């Protein structure tokens, strides 16, 4: 056997060992994840009493109840009963089994299929305290509470109280108050004499909150991309993660609020007086066509062991509406994605310009398509002076183009010599080559701000305009029976119009690009085609805005270049500028000196090679 064969066999052996080790690690990781998911799933299973043989017991005796439920044995059995709290915005159905919300309906909203929007629904959802009883954990979701009659206050508020008693003087109460015109439920955990029931070492109470997010919108994949957990600590620091990317997150420190967000709706737990002591969130994204995601959250509540103990929480069941969330004055509005990453600064463009103007226009205009048109015109008016200067700069560059072509032909591949002569020409003609870049730089934050604002604006949800049935999602004029790679399974007309006008604009400005550079020559045409697949599934409001902005740009450029900007006058002015003595700035003198030195070094190195 030769040396190459030996090396080959050794490499194969190394690869085989590496594969075995990698496979074992993946199996261990998979088993750990399965064990984690199984343990989480067990949290949601209702307690089933068993007899000594391990089979379900139809009528458990008092000893068995005391063993399973401890001091709360009297609440182990009962009959489920529902109670409704309702205002003009939400309808919440509570059950005495666990003293918790069973369903939550947002009355002003529908799903993409036109059904009532039920934010909370199904046995998966749970709001339960975990109490240590007889060396195991008891969930209050397994207890039957006694409901007091709903109390109605003079201001229209409704209060529902659930109580589970150990003795007449020792009990646990869960109190819910719903105010009129409000998405928020005041939820108070109230215990009297619990210090005699819970272990002496008990310093916190664990609140278990499980929520299954169901499909509400047209685009399930987009919903999952926006299915996130946000949280804020008492020091003001905020963070979030997406369910698809993170399966577990432990939050160390005191939290002011924690929110699970869908694309347009959220449920948030807010600690108004005393902050939460910590939290842990486990997530799962099932292979389902109806379930967007599942969150299993445990929140640690400080327990003072006071005889009369209360911990108030506000629970928000509602839309991701910027003004509504901002009214809490705790930064809850930041769950709305108005700018992140390297473009995080555009959120200030949205907060200070776009949203105020949008809200002002929507105050007296009911058609959101018209609002987008007026918003586009408003933005173009703001940057109009810079746009005019840009077109004037383009006209100057167009006049100088023949001379630039001659310089390029004269110097050939010597880019440094061409650059020096080009700068001299610009200086003598009084032309700023970067004059046309300023409007583009000013428009970039606005374009990115719109990219964030429109898809996350709940005001546009299910609002129609022209052929678009819902401005918050794509405007499909034809659903394809197959999926085109990098494009999708539908055709968005606004996206096609946006692409077409981008190509027209590129063709109109073709004279401004360096035709000798293939990249600069063809990129303005290739780039819109590359973006076609990305924008095909974005909000119709966004692609309509980009299309409209392109149309305005084409019309403005044609009017200004044809009727306003006098090319002959510009040419004459440039010729006059060339006659004037050119004064060089210190920066330009240093730059030219540096270029001369580089040229001399290149000439010397080429002479040595010869």
Foldseek 3Di string as FASTA:
>chain_A
DDPVVVVVVVVVVVVVVVVVVVVVVVVVVVVVVVVVVVVLVVVLDADFQADPVRDGDPDDDPVSLCQVPNLLSVQQDDDWDWDWDDAPAKIWIAIQQLRGTAWIWGQVDAFQVRHTDIFAHDSQWDKWWWADHNNHTDTSSSGGWDKDPWDADPQGKIKIKTWRASDPQWIWIWMWIDGHPAQKIKTKTKTAQCLVVGDVPDFWIKIKTKGWGWHRYDDLVVQQVLFKKKWAAPVGDIDMDGQVVDFKDWFAHWTQKIWTDTLWWIKMKGQDPGTWRIKMKGKDQDPDPITSIMIIMMIIGGDPSDNIDMGIIMIGTTTLAQVNLCVVVSCSNPSQQQADDPLNVLSCVCVPPVVVLLVVVVVPDVAVVVSLLVSLVVVCVVCVVLQLQLLLLLLLCLLCVVVLVVLCVVVPPPVLVSVLVVVVLCQLLVHDNCSNVVSVVVCVSVLVSLLRDLLRHCSQAQRDDDQARGQNKARFPAAAPDADPLAGRGAGPLLVLLLVLQQVVCVVSQSSFDPVDPCRNCVSNVVSVNCSRVCNIGGNSSSNSSSSSSVVSVVVSCCCVPPNDDSVVSSVSSVVSNPDDGDDDPVRVVVVVVSVVVVVVVVVVVVVVD
